């Protein structure tokens, strides 16, 4: 699979999870607030691709779902948090 294809798949994952989170929030199944990164998915994906996983880490504190998903590909871990 090409790097471009992988990037778009990762961006699609981010968008899909964010839309699901918004749906849960709107249905009252999630409390608090949520700040999605819809429309900014490729920023997180490109950042994750540019980092060296052996020495770099990602720390994000606002609209961070995309960063987490682009780095880990782990929607279950995001929802569990």
Protein backbone atom coordinates (compact mmCIF):
# COMPACT_ATOMS: atom_id res chain seq x y z
CA UNK A 1 0.00 0.00 0.00
CA UNK A 2 1.32 3.43 -0.85
CA UNK A 3 2.03 6.11 1.73
CA UNK A 4 -0.68 8.29 0.20
CA UNK A 5 -3.25 5.51 0.48
CA UNK A 6 -2.27 4.85 4.10
CA UNK A 7 -2.59 8.55 4.89
CA UNK A 8 -6.09 8.74 3.44
CA UNK A 9 -7.13 5.60 5.30
CA UNK A 10 -5.86 7.09 8.55
CA UNK A 11 -7.63 10.39 7.85
CA UNK A 12 -10.83 8.46 7.12
CA UNK A 13 -10.48 6.65 10.45
CA UNK A 14 -10.10 9.97 12.26
CA UNK A 15 -13.15 11.47 10.50
CA UNK A 16 -15.30 8.39 11.12
CA UNK A 17 -14.46 8.21 14.82
CA UNK A 18 -15.03 11.95 15.26
CA UNK A 19 -18.44 11.71 13.60
CA UNK A 20 -19.37 8.79 15.84
CA UNK A 21 -18.30 10.75 18.93
CA UNK A 22 -20.45 13.70 17.84
CA UNK A 23 -23.38 11.33 17.36
CA UNK A 24 -22.93 9.88 20.85
CA UNK A 25 -22.68 13.37 22.31
CA UNK A 26 -25.82 14.56 20.48
CA UNK A 27 -27.72 11.47 21.66
CA UNK A 28 -26.77 12.20 25.27
CA UNK A 29 -24.68 9.02 25.53
CA UNK A 30 -21.51 10.99 26.20
CA UNK A 31 -21.25 13.81 28.72
CA UNK A 32 -18.98 16.80 29.06
CA UNK A 33 -17.70 18.50 25.96
CA UNK A 34 -16.06 17.32 22.79
CA UNK A 35 -13.87 19.27 20.40
CA UNK A 36 -13.40 17.43 17.15
CA UNK A 37 -10.77 17.97 14.51
CA UNK A 38 -13.14 17.42 11.58
CA UNK A 39 -11.62 19.18 8.60
CA UNK A 40 -8.15 19.02 10.12
CA UNK A 41 -7.54 15.26 9.90
CA UNK A 42 -4.61 15.43 7.51
CA UNK A 43 -2.68 17.69 9.89
CA UNK A 44 -2.58 14.92 12.49
CA UNK A 45 -1.91 12.24 9.89
CA UNK A 46 0.95 14.17 8.29
CA UNK A 47 2.48 14.98 11.67
CA UNK A 48 2.36 11.33 12.76
CA UNK A 49 3.97 10.23 9.49
CA UNK A 50 6.79 12.75 9.86
CA UNK A 51 7.81 11.66 13.37
CA UNK A 52 10.30 8.95 14.29
CA UNK A 53 8.36 6.44 16.40
CA UNK A 54 11.59 5.22 18.04
CA UNK A 55 12.36 8.59 19.63
CA UNK A 56 9.40 10.96 19.24
CA UNK A 57 6.20 11.23 21.25
CA UNK A 58 2.96 13.09 20.68
CA UNK A 59 1.39 15.32 23.32
CA UNK A 60 -1.78 17.18 22.43
CA UNK A 61 -4.37 18.93 24.58
CA UNK A 62 -7.03 20.43 22.28
CA UNK A 63 -8.78 18.75 19.36
CA UNK A 64 -6.45 15.88 20.09
CA UNK A 65 -8.52 12.88 18.99
CA UNK A 66 -6.97 13.08 15.53
CA UNK A 67 -3.44 13.11 16.89
CA UNK A 68 -4.10 10.07 19.04
CA UNK A 69 -5.77 8.13 16.23
CA UNK A 70 -3.16 9.05 13.63
CA UNK A 71 -0.40 7.92 16.01
CA UNK A 72 -2.03 4.73 17.34
CA UNK A 73 -4.82 3.60 14.97
CA UNK A 74 -6.65 2.69 18.20
CA UNK A 75 -10.25 3.97 18.32
CA UNK A 76 -11.09 1.57 21.17
CA UNK A 77 -8.33 3.12 23.31
CA UNK A 78 -9.64 6.60 22.55
CA UNK A 79 -13.20 5.71 23.53
CA UNK A 80 -12.02 3.88 26.66
CA UNK A 81 -10.19 7.00 27.81
